[in-house]
Amino acid sequence: MVTTKAYVPTASGAKYLQQLCKHWAHKLEVELSDLRGVVRFPNAVATMEADPKGLAVTVEAADGETVERMQGVVAAHLDRFAFREAPLPFNWSA
């Protein structure tokens, strides 16, 4: 299993977390609470946790190629919801 993490600074992390999870819940399995969301994609899992200063994002998949692709998917969707402050900085690390 390959795992990467990023912390995205934004005062609206909880709002974006809710929007992303509700968006993906139409087609994917999603667990959602006020400050935490887990999205189960076909080949990966994205976990997001919000705090007052930002959004912590973890992406897990079986291989590095899938993790890299899913990083792009998560970042692109988050930037769409955060269009007023996009592009948000994603500094992914293993």
PDB file of N, CA and C in Angstrom:
ATOM      1  N   MET A   1       0.850  -1.184   0.000  1.00  0.00           N
ATOM      2  CA  MET A   1       0.000   0.000   0.000  1.00  0.00           C
ATOM      3  C   MET A   1       0.891   1.242   0.000  1.00  0.00           C
ATOM      4  N   VAL A   2       0.595   2.179  -0.885  1.00  0.00           N
ATOM      5  CA  VAL A   2       1.324   3.432  -0.988  1.00  0.00           C
ATOM      6  C   VAL A   2       0.434   4.530  -0.406  1.00  0.00           C
ATOM      7  N   THR A   3       1.011   5.376   0.437  1.00  0.00           N
ATOM      8  CA  THR A   3       0.256   6.442   1.093  1.00  0.00           C
ATOM      9  C   THR A   3       0.968   7.773   0.903  1.00  0.00           C
ATOM     10  N   THR A   4       0.220   8.808   0.564  1.00  0.00           N
ATOM     11  CA  THR A   4       0.750  10.166   0.530  1.00  0.00           C
ATOM     12  C   THR A   4      -0.184  11.076   1.309  1.00  0.00           C
ATOM     13  N   LYS A   5       0.400  12.158   1.804  1.00  0.00           N
ATOM     14  CA  LYS A   5      -0.367  13.108   2.613  1.00  0.00           C
ATOM     15  C   LYS A   5      -0.047  14.531   2.171  1.00  0.00           C
ATOM     16  N   ALA A   6      -1.030  15.398   2.354  1.00  0.00           N
ATOM     17  CA  ALA A   6      -0.837  16.829   2.100  1.00  0.00           C
ATOM     18  C   ALA A   6      -1.673  17.594   3.117  1.00  0.00           C
ATOM     19  N   TYR A   7      -1.168  18.754   3.499  1.00  0.00           N
ATOM     20  CA  TYR A   7      -1.942  19.653   4.351  1.00  0.00           C
ATOM     21  C   TYR A   7      -2.197  20.918   3.537  1.00  0.00           C
ATOM     22  N   VAL A   8      -3.462  21.229   3.343  1.00  0.00           N
ATOM     23  CA  VAL A   8      -3.857  22.360   2.517  1.00  0.00           C
ATOM     24  C   VAL A   8      -4.341  23.492   3.419  1.00  0.00           C
ATOM     25  N   PRO A   9      -3.588  24.586   3.485  1.00  0.00           N
ATOM     26  CA  PRO A   9      -4.022  25.685   4.345  1.00  0.00           C
ATOM     27  C   PRO A   9      -5.232  26.425   3.758  1.00  0.00           C
ATOM     28  N   THR A  10      -6.306  26.479   4.531  1.00  0.00           N
ATOM     29  CA  THR A  10      -7.517  27.205   4.154  1.00  0.00           C
ATOM     30  C   THR A  10      -8.403  27.322   5.387  1.00  0.00           C
ATOM     31  N   ALA A  11      -9.030  28.443   5.547  1.00  0.00           N
ATOM     32  CA  ALA A  11      -9.957  28.633   6.663  1.00  0.00           C
ATOM     33  C   ALA A  11     -11.286  27.931   6.409  1.00  0.00           C
ATOM     34  N   SER A  12     -11.486  27.439   5.190  1.00  0.00           N
ATOM     35  CA  SER A  12     -12.758  26.802   4.810  1.00  0.00           C
ATOM     36  C   SER A  12     -12.643  25.293   4.658  1.00  0.00           C
ATOM     37  N   GLY A  13     -11.701  24.667   5.320  1.00  0.00           N
ATOM     38  CA  GLY A  13     -11.478  23.238   5.178  1.00  0.00           C
ATOM     39  C   GLY A  13     -12.708  22.398   5.466  1.00  0.00           C
ATOM     40  N   ALA A  14     -13.432  22.706   6.525  1.00  0.00           N
ATOM     41  CA  ALA A  14     -14.623  21.923   6.882  1.00  0.00           C
ATOM     42  C   ALA A  14     -15.708  22.068   5.806  1.00  0.00           C
ATOM     43  N   LYS A  15     -15.859  23.247   5.282  1.00  0.00           N
ATOM     44  CA  LYS A  15     -16.846  23.492   4.223  1.00  0.00           C
ATOM     45  C   LYS A  15     -16.497  22.694   2.969  1.00  0.00           C
ATOM     46  N   TYR A  16     -15.237  22.758   2.554  1.00  0.00           N
ATOM     47  CA  TYR A  16     -14.809  22.038   1.351  1.00  0.00           C
ATOM     48  C   TYR A  16     -14.909  20.526   1.546  1.00  0.00           C
ATOM     49  N   LEU A  17     -14.591  20.058   2.735  1.00  0.00           N
ATOM     50  CA  LEU A  17     -14.709  18.636   3.057  1.00  0.00           C
ATOM     51  C   LEU A  17     -16.150  18.172   2.855  1.00  0.00           C
ATOM     52  N   GLN A  18     -17.093  18.921   3.376  1.00  0.00           N
ATOM     53  CA  GLN A  18     -18.510  18.581   3.240  1.00  0.00           C
ATOM     54  C   GLN A  18     -18.922  18.564   1.762  1.00  0.00           C
ATOM     55  N   GLN A  19     -18.520  19.590   1.019  1.00  0.00           N
ATOM     56  CA  GLN A  19     -18.895  19.684  -0.393  1.00  0.00           C
ATOM     57  C   GLN A  19     -18.320  18.524  -1.201  1.00  0.00           C
ATOM     58  N   LEU A  20     -17.044  18.225  -0.990  1.00  0.00           N
ATOM     59  CA  LEU A  20     -16.398  17.135  -1.725  1.00  0.00           C
ATOM     60  C   LEU A  20     -17.065  15.798  -1.434  1.00  0.00           C
ATOM     61  N   CYS A  21     -17.275  15.514  -0.164  1.00  0.00           N
ATOM     62  CA  CYS A  21     -17.859  14.232   0.202  1.00  0.00           C
ATOM     63  C   CYS A  21     -19.284  14.095  -0.320  1.00  0.00           C
ATOM     64  N   LYS A  22     -20.073  15.134  -0.242  1.00  0.00           N
ATOM     65  CA  LYS A  22     -21.439  15.070  -0.762  1.00  0.00           C
ATOM     66  C   LYS A  22     -21.438  14.914  -2.285  1.00  0.00           C
ATOM     67  N   HIS A  23     -20.489  15.562  -2.949  1.00  0.00           N
ATOM     68  CA  HIS A  23     -20.355  15.432  -4.400  1.00  0.00           C
ATOM     69  C   HIS A  23     -20.043  13.986  -4.780  1.00  0.00           C
ATOM     70  N   TRP A  24     -19.072  13.384  -4.106  1.00  0.00           N
ATOM     71  CA  TRP A  24     -18.649  12.023  -4.431  1.00  0.00           C
ATOM     72  C   TRP A  24     -19.637  10.972  -3.937  1.00  0.00           C
ATOM     73  N   ALA A  25     -20.459  11.301  -2.965  1.00  0.00           N
ATOM     74  CA  ALA A  25     -21.407  10.325  -2.409  1.00  0.00           C
ATOM     75  C   ALA A  25     -22.450   9.878  -3.435  1.00  0.00           C
ATOM     76  N   HIS A  26     -22.603  10.622  -4.520  1.00  0.00           N
ATOM     77  CA  HIS A  26     -23.560  10.228  -5.549  1.00  0.00           C
ATOM     78  C   HIS A  26     -23.134   8.954  -6.268  1.00  0.00           C
ATOM     79  N   LYS A  27     -21.803   8.696  -6.309  1.00  0.00           N
ATOM     80  CA  LYS A  27     -21.321   7.533  -7.058  1.00  0.00           C
ATOM     81  C   LYS A  27     -20.381   6.625  -6.275  1.00  0.00           C
ATOM     82  N   LEU A  28     -19.919   7.077  -5.112  1.00  0.00           N
ATOM     83  CA  LEU A  28     -18.922   6.334  -4.354  1.00  0.00           C
ATOM     84  C   LEU A  28     -19.375   6.126  -2.916  1.00  0.00           C
ATOM     85  N   GLU A  29     -18.728   5.187  -2.236  1.00  0.00           N
ATOM     86  CA  GLU A  29     -18.988   4.977  -0.817  1.00  0.00           C
ATOM     87  C   GLU A  29     -18.267   6.067  -0.022  1.00  0.00           C
ATOM     88  N   VAL A  30     -19.006   6.788   0.818  1.00  0.00           N
ATOM     89  CA  VAL A  30     -18.461   7.909   1.571  1.00  0.00           C
ATOM     90  C   VAL A  30     -18.890   7.813   3.026  1.00  0.00           C
ATOM     91  N   GLU A  31     -17.952   8.051   3.923  1.00  0.00           N
ATOM     92  CA  GLU A  31     -18.247   8.209   5.350  1.00  0.00           C
ATOM     93  C   GLU A  31     -17.995   9.671   5.666  1.00  0.00           C
ATOM     94  N   LEU A  32     -18.944  10.331   6.312  1.00  0.00           N
ATOM     95  CA  LEU A  32     -18.823  11.762   6.531  1.00  0.00           C
ATOM     96  C   LEU A  32     -19.275  12.154   7.927  1.00  0.00           C
ATOM     97  N   SER A  33     -18.449  12.960   8.597  1.00  0.00           N
ATOM     98  CA  SER A  33     -18.834  13.616   9.847  1.00  0.00           C
ATOM     99  C   SER A  33     -18.497  15.093   9.679  1.00  0.00           C
ATOM    100  N   ASP A  34     -18.652  15.874  10.712  1.00  0.00           N
ATOM    101  CA  ASP A  34     -18.432  17.318  10.595  1.00  0.00           C
ATOM    102  C   ASP A  34     -17.016  17.674  10.135  1.00  0.00           C
ATOM    103  N   LEU A  35     -16.017  16.979  10.658  1.00  0.00           N
ATOM    104  CA  LEU A  35     -14.633  17.348  10.370  1.00  0.00           C
ATOM    105  C   LEU A  35     -13.811  16.243   9.712  1.00  0.00           C
ATOM    106  N   ARG A  36     -14.462  15.151   9.310  1.00  0.00           N
ATOM    107  CA  ARG A  36     -13.712  14.032   8.721  1.00  0.00           C
ATOM    108  C   ARG A  36     -14.545  13.375   7.631  1.00  0.00           C
ATOM    109  N   GLY A  37     -13.868  13.027   6.545  1.00  0.00           N
ATOM    110  CA  GLY A  37     -14.533  12.321   5.463  1.00  0.00           C
ATOM    111  C   GLY A  37     -13.619  11.263   4.879  1.00  0.00           C
ATOM    112  N   VAL A  38     -14.194  10.123   4.522  1.00  0.00           N
ATOM    113  CA  VAL A  38     -13.459   9.045   3.875  1.00  0.00           C
ATOM    114  C   VAL A  38     -14.204   8.706   2.591  1.00  0.00           C
ATOM    115  N   VAL A  39     -13.477   8.742   1.474  1.00  0.00           N
ATOM    116  CA  VAL A  39     -14.061   8.440   0.174  1.00  0.00           C
ATOM    117  C   VAL A  39     -13.369   7.205  -0.385  1.00  0.00           C
ATOM    118  N   ARG A  40     -14.164   6.183  -0.699  1.00  0.00           N
ATOM    119  CA  ARG A  40     -13.615   4.935  -1.233  1.00  0.00           C
ATOM    120  C   ARG A  40     -13.814   4.907  -2.749  1.00  0.00           C
ATOM    121  N   PHE A  41     -12.728   5.198  -3.456  1.00  0.00           N
ATOM    122  CA  PHE A  41     -12.718   5.115  -4.909  1.00  0.00           C
ATOM    123  C   PHE A  41     -12.503   3.649  -5.294  1.00  0.00           C
ATOM    124  N   PRO A  42     -12.690   3.274  -6.561  1.00  0.00           N
ATOM    125  CA  PRO A  42     -12.499   1.872  -6.944  1.00  0.00           C
ATOM    126  C   PRO A  42     -11.110   1.315  -6.604  1.00  0.00           C
ATOM    127  N   ASN A  43     -10.060   2.132  -6.723  1.00  0.00           N
ATOM    128  CA  ASN A  43      -8.704   1.638  -6.489  1.00  0.00           C
ATOM    129  C   ASN A  43      -7.926   2.444  -5.454  1.00  0.00           C
ATOM    130  N   ALA A  44      -8.608   3.281  -4.692  1.00  0.00           N
ATOM    131  CA  ALA A  44      -7.918   4.132  -3.717  1.00  0.00           C
ATOM    132  C   ALA A  44      -8.893   4.591  -2.638  1.00  0.00           C
ATOM    133  N   VAL A  45      -8.314   5.102  -1.559  1.00  0.00           N
ATOM    134  CA  VAL A  45      -9.106   5.682  -0.472  1.00  0.00           C
ATOM    135  C   VAL A  45      -8.530   7.056  -0.168  1.00  0.00           C
ATOM    136  N   ALA A  46      -9.402   8.049  -0.097  1.00  0.00           N
ATOM    137  CA  ALA A  46      -8.990   9.403   0.288  1.00  0.00           C
ATOM    138  C   ALA A  46      -9.631   9.725   1.634  1.00  0.00           C
ATOM    139  N   THR A  47      -8.806  10.138   2.584  1.00  0.00           N
ATOM    140  CA  THR A  47      -9.285  10.537   3.903  1.00  0.00           C
ATOM    141  C   THR A  47      -8.961  12.004   4.089  1.00  0.00           C
ATOM    142  N   MET A  48      -9.946  12.779   4.532  1.00  0.00           N
ATOM    143  CA  MET A  48      -9.767  14.217   4.732  1.00  0.00           C
ATOM    144  C   MET A  48     -10.206  14.593   6.136  1.00  0.00           C
ATOM    145  N   GLU A  49      -9.392  15.409   6.788  1.00  0.00           N
ATOM    146  CA  GLU A  49      -9.714  15.882   8.129  1.00  0.00           C
ATOM    147  C   GLU A  49      -9.501  17.388   8.181  1.00  0.00           C
ATOM    148  N   ALA A  50     -10.533  18.102   8.602  1.00  0.00           N
ATOM    149  CA  ALA A  50     -10.484  19.553   8.644  1.00  0.00           C
ATOM    150  C   ALA A  50     -10.183  20.046  10.051  1.00  0.00           C
ATOM    151  N   ASP A  51      -9.471  21.160  10.121  1.00  0.00           N
ATOM    152  CA  ASP A  51      -9.284  21.890  11.367  1.00  0.00           C
ATOM    153  C   ASP A  51      -9.435  23.375  11.030  1.00  0.00           C
ATOM    154  N   PRO A  52      -9.379  24.258  11.999  1.00  0.00           N
ATOM    155  CA  PRO A  52      -9.611  25.671  11.704  1.00  0.00           C
ATOM    156  C   PRO A  52      -8.621  26.296  10.709  1.00  0.00           C
ATOM    157  N   LYS A  53      -7.468  25.697  10.518  1.00  0.00           N
ATOM    158  CA  LYS A  53      -6.452  26.283   9.637  1.00  0.00           C
ATOM    159  C   LYS A  53      -6.292  25.586   8.299  1.00  0.00           C
ATOM    160  N   GLY A  54      -6.962  24.427   8.104  1.00  0.00           N
ATOM    161  CA  GLY A  54      -6.778  23.749   6.834  1.00  0.00           C
ATOM    162  C   GLY A  54      -7.421  22.389   6.757  1.00  0.00           C
ATOM    163  N   LEU A  55      -6.981  21.664   5.744  1.00  0.00           N
ATOM    164  CA  LEU A  55      -7.526  20.352   5.443  1.00  0.00           C
ATOM    165  C   LEU A  55      -6.371  19.380   5.225  1.00  0.00           C
ATOM    166  N   ALA A  56      -6.323  18.338   6.043  1.00  0.00           N
ATOM    167  CA  ALA A  56      -5.319  17.280   5.882  1.00  0.00           C
ATOM    168  C   ALA A  56      -5.917  16.217   4.974  1.00  0.00           C
ATOM    169  N   VAL A  57      -5.170  15.852   3.928  1.00  0.00           N
ATOM    170  CA  VAL A  57      -5.649  14.887   2.948  1.00  0.00           C
ATOM    171  C   VAL A  57      -4.657  13.727   2.885  1.00  0.00           C
ATOM    172  N   THR A  58      -5.172  12.505   2.966  1.00  0.00           N
ATOM    173  CA  THR A  58      -4.361  11.293   2.824  1.00  0.00           C
ATOM    174  C   THR A  58      -4.944  10.470   1.694  1.00  0.00           C
ATOM    175  N   VAL A  59      -4.081  10.024   0.790  1.00  0.00           N
ATOM    176  CA  VAL A  59      -4.502   9.157  -0.313  1.00  0.00           C
ATOM    177  C   VAL A  59      -3.735   7.849  -0.207  1.00  0.00           C
ATOM    178  N   GLU A  60      -4.475   6.732  -0.243  1.00  0.00           N
ATOM    179  CA  GLU A  60      -3.869   5.401  -0.161  1.00  0.00           C
ATOM    180  C   GLU A  60      -4.313   4.575  -1.368  1.00  0.00           C
ATOM    181  N   ALA A  61      -3.359   3.844  -1.947  1.00  0.00           N
ATOM    182  CA  ALA A  61      -3.666   2.946  -3.059  1.00  0.00           C
ATOM    183  C   ALA A  61      -2.611   1.860  -3.111  1.00  0.00           C
ATOM    184  N   ALA A  62      -2.850   0.860  -3.952  1.00  0.00           N
ATOM    185  CA  ALA A  62      -1.944  -0.281  -4.042  1.00  0.00           C
ATOM    186  C   ALA A  62      -0.617   0.062  -4.700  1.00  0.00           C
ATOM    187  N   ASP A  63      -0.604   1.089  -5.568  1.00  0.00           N
ATOM    188  CA  ASP A  63       0.633   1.416  -6.280  1.00  0.00           C
ATOM    189  C   ASP A  63       0.801   2.928  -6.438  1.00  0.00           C
ATOM    190  N   GLY A  64       2.026   3.325  -6.715  1.00  0.00           N
ATOM    191  CA  GLY A  64       2.364   4.737  -6.827  1.00  0.00           C
ATOM    192  C   GLY A  64       1.661   5.448  -7.968  1.00  0.00           C
ATOM    193  N   GLU A  65       1.449   4.754  -9.080  1.00  0.00           N
ATOM    194  CA  GLU A  65       0.779   5.365 -10.222  1.00  0.00           C
ATOM    195  C   GLU A  65      -0.654   5.764  -9.873  1.00  0.00           C
ATOM    196  N   THR A  66      -1.359   4.884  -9.179  1.00  0.00           N
ATOM    197  CA  THR A  66      -2.738   5.173  -8.767  1.00  0.00           C
ATOM    198  C   THR A  66      -2.765   6.313  -7.754  1.00  0.00           C
ATOM    199  N   VAL A  67      -1.828   6.301  -6.809  1.00  0.00           N
ATOM    200  CA  VAL A  67      -1.766   7.383  -5.822  1.00  0.00           C
ATOM    201  C   VAL A  67      -1.540   8.720  -6.521  1.00  0.00           C
ATOM    202  N   GLU A  68      -0.631   8.750  -7.461  1.00  0.00           N
ATOM    203  CA  GLU A  68      -0.336  10.000  -8.180  1.00  0.00           C
ATOM    204  C   GLU A  68      -1.559  10.497  -8.949  1.00  0.00           C
ATOM    205  N   ARG A  69      -2.262   9.583  -9.617  1.00  0.00           N
ATOM    206  CA  ARG A  69      -3.469   9.965 -10.350  1.00  0.00           C
ATOM    207  C   ARG A  69      -4.531  10.497  -9.391  1.00  0.00           C
ATOM    208  N   MET A  70      -4.710   9.829  -8.248  1.00  0.00           N
ATOM    209  CA  MET A  70      -5.723  10.246  -7.290  1.00  0.00           C
ATOM    210  C   MET A  70      -5.378  11.564  -6.605  1.00  0.00           C
ATOM    211  N   GLN A  71      -4.101  11.849  -6.454  1.00  0.00           N
ATOM    212  CA  GLN A  71      -3.697  13.162  -5.941  1.00  0.00           C
ATOM    213  C   GLN A  71      -4.244  14.254  -6.862  1.00  0.00           C
ATOM    214  N   GLY A  72      -4.106  14.038  -8.147  1.00  0.00           N
ATOM    215  CA  GLY A  72      -4.616  15.000  -9.116  1.00  0.00           C
ATOM    216  C   GLY A  72      -6.127  15.127  -9.071  1.00  0.00           C
ATOM    217  N   VAL A  73      -6.818  14.005  -8.912  1.00  0.00           N
ATOM    218  CA  VAL A  73      -8.280  14.018  -8.839  1.00  0.00           C
ATOM    219  C   VAL A  73      -8.746  14.808  -7.622  1.00  0.00           C
ATOM    220  N   VAL A  74      -8.158  14.524  -6.467  1.00  0.00           N
ATOM    221  CA  VAL A  74      -8.551  15.212  -5.230  1.00  0.00           C
ATOM    222  C   VAL A  74      -8.237  16.704  -5.332  1.00  0.00           C
ATOM    223  N   ALA A  75      -7.042  17.042  -5.789  1.00  0.00           N
ATOM    224  CA  ALA A  75      -6.643  18.451  -5.892  1.00  0.00           C
ATOM    225  C   ALA A  75      -7.537  19.207  -6.875  1.00  0.00           C
ATOM    226  N   ALA A  76      -7.825  18.614  -8.026  1.00  0.00           N
ATOM    227  CA  ALA A  76      -8.664  19.289  -9.024  1.00  0.00           C
ATOM    228  C   ALA A  76     -10.071  19.537  -8.490  1.00  0.00           C
ATOM    229  N   HIS A  77     -10.642  18.542  -7.822  1.00  0.00           N
ATOM    230  CA  HIS A  77     -11.989  18.721  -7.271  1.00  0.00           C
ATOM    231  C   HIS A  77     -12.003  19.750  -6.143  1.00  0.00           C
ATOM    232  N   LEU A  78     -11.006  19.705  -5.297  1.00  0.00           N
ATOM    233  CA  LEU A  78     -10.943  20.681  -4.210  1.00  0.00           C
ATOM    234  C   LEU A  78     -10.800  22.093  -4.769  1.00  0.00           C
ATOM    235  N   ASP A  79      -9.968  22.263  -5.784  1.00  0.00           N
ATOM    236  CA  ASP A  79      -9.809  23.586  -6.394  1.00  0.00           C
ATOM    237  C   ASP A  79     -11.104  24.083  -7.027  1.00  0.00           C
ATOM    238  N   ARG A  80     -11.929  23.179  -7.557  1.00  0.00           N
ATOM    239  CA  ARG A  80     -13.215  23.599  -8.120  1.00  0.00           C
ATOM    240  C   ARG A  80     -14.132  24.172  -7.045  1.00  0.00           C
ATOM    241  N   PHE A  81     -14.171  23.517  -5.888  1.00  0.00           N
ATOM    242  CA  PHE A  81     -15.018  24.015  -4.804  1.00  0.00           C
ATOM    243  C   PHE A  81     -14.415  25.240  -4.136  1.00  0.00           C
ATOM    244  N   ALA A  82     -13.102  25.362  -4.176  1.00  0.00           N
ATOM    245  CA  ALA A  82     -12.400  26.487  -3.549  1.00  0.00           C
ATOM    246  C   ALA A  82     -11.991  27.513  -4.599  1.00  0.00           C
ATOM    247  N   PHE A  83     -12.830  27.717  -5.603  1.00  0.00           N
ATOM    248  CA  PHE A  83     -12.443  28.543  -6.743  1.00  0.00           C
ATOM    249  C   PHE A  83     -12.015  29.956  -6.364  1.00  0.00           C
ATOM    250  N   ARG A  84     -12.518  30.477  -5.257  1.00  0.00           N
ATOM    251  CA  ARG A  84     -12.139  31.839  -4.841  1.00  0.00           C
ATOM    252  C   ARG A  84     -10.693  31.916  -4.358  1.00  0.00           C
ATOM    253  N   GLU A  85     -10.150  30.819  -3.892  1.00  0.00           N
ATOM    254  CA  GLU A  85      -8.774  30.812  -3.399  1.00  0.00           C
ATOM    255  C   GLU A  85      -7.881  29.813  -4.134  1.00  0.00           C
ATOM    256  N   ALA A  86      -8.387  29.266  -5.226  1.00  0.00           N
ATOM    257  CA  ALA A  86      -7.615  28.286  -6.010  1.00  0.00           C
ATOM    258  C   ALA A  86      -6.560  28.991  -6.863  1.00  0.00           C
ATOM    259  N   PRO A  87      -5.495  28.320  -7.195  1.00  0.00           N
ATOM    260  CA  PRO A  87      -5.204  26.948  -6.826  1.00  0.00           C
ATOM    261  C   PRO A  87      -4.637  26.865  -5.407  1.00  0.00           C
ATOM    262  N   LEU A  88      -5.134  25.904  -4.665  1.00  0.00           N
ATOM    263  CA  LEU A  88      -4.640  25.682  -3.309  1.00  0.00           C
ATOM    264  C   LEU A  88      -3.310  24.932  -3.366  1.00  0.00           C
ATOM    265  N   PRO A  89      -2.417  25.191  -2.404  1.00  0.00           N
ATOM    266  CA  PRO A  89      -1.126  24.490  -2.414  1.00  0.00           C
ATOM    267  C   PRO A  89      -1.244  23.072  -1.857  1.00  0.00           C
ATOM    268  N   PHE A  90      -0.828  22.105  -2.633  1.00  0.00           N
ATOM    269  CA  PHE A  90      -0.770  20.715  -2.206  1.00  0.00           C
ATOM    270  C   PHE A  90       0.707  20.316  -2.209  1.00  0.00           C
ATOM    271  N   ASN A  91       1.269  20.092  -1.063  1.00  0.00           N
ATOM    272  CA  ASN A  91       2.647  19.615  -0.956  1.00  0.00           C
ATOM    273  C   ASN A  91       2.602  18.178  -0.486  1.00  0.00           C
ATOM    274  N   TRP A  92       2.443  17.256  -1.454  1.00  0.00           N
ATOM    275  CA  TRP A  92       2.297  15.846  -1.131  1.00  0.00           C
ATOM    276  C   TRP A  92       3.620  15.270  -0.630  1.00  0.00           C
ATOM    277  N   SER A  93       3.522  14.418   0.374  1.00  0.00           N
ATOM    278  CA  SER A  93       4.710  13.720   0.884  1.00  0.00           C
ATOM    279  C   SER A  93       4.333  12.290   1.240  1.00  0.00           C
ATOM    280  N   ALA A  94       5.318  11.411   1.110  1.00  0.00           N
ATOM    281  CA  ALA A  94       5.077   9.984   1.387  1.00  0.00           C
ATOM    282  C   ALA A  94       4.952   9.749   2.863  1.00  0.00           C
TER     283      ALA A  94
END
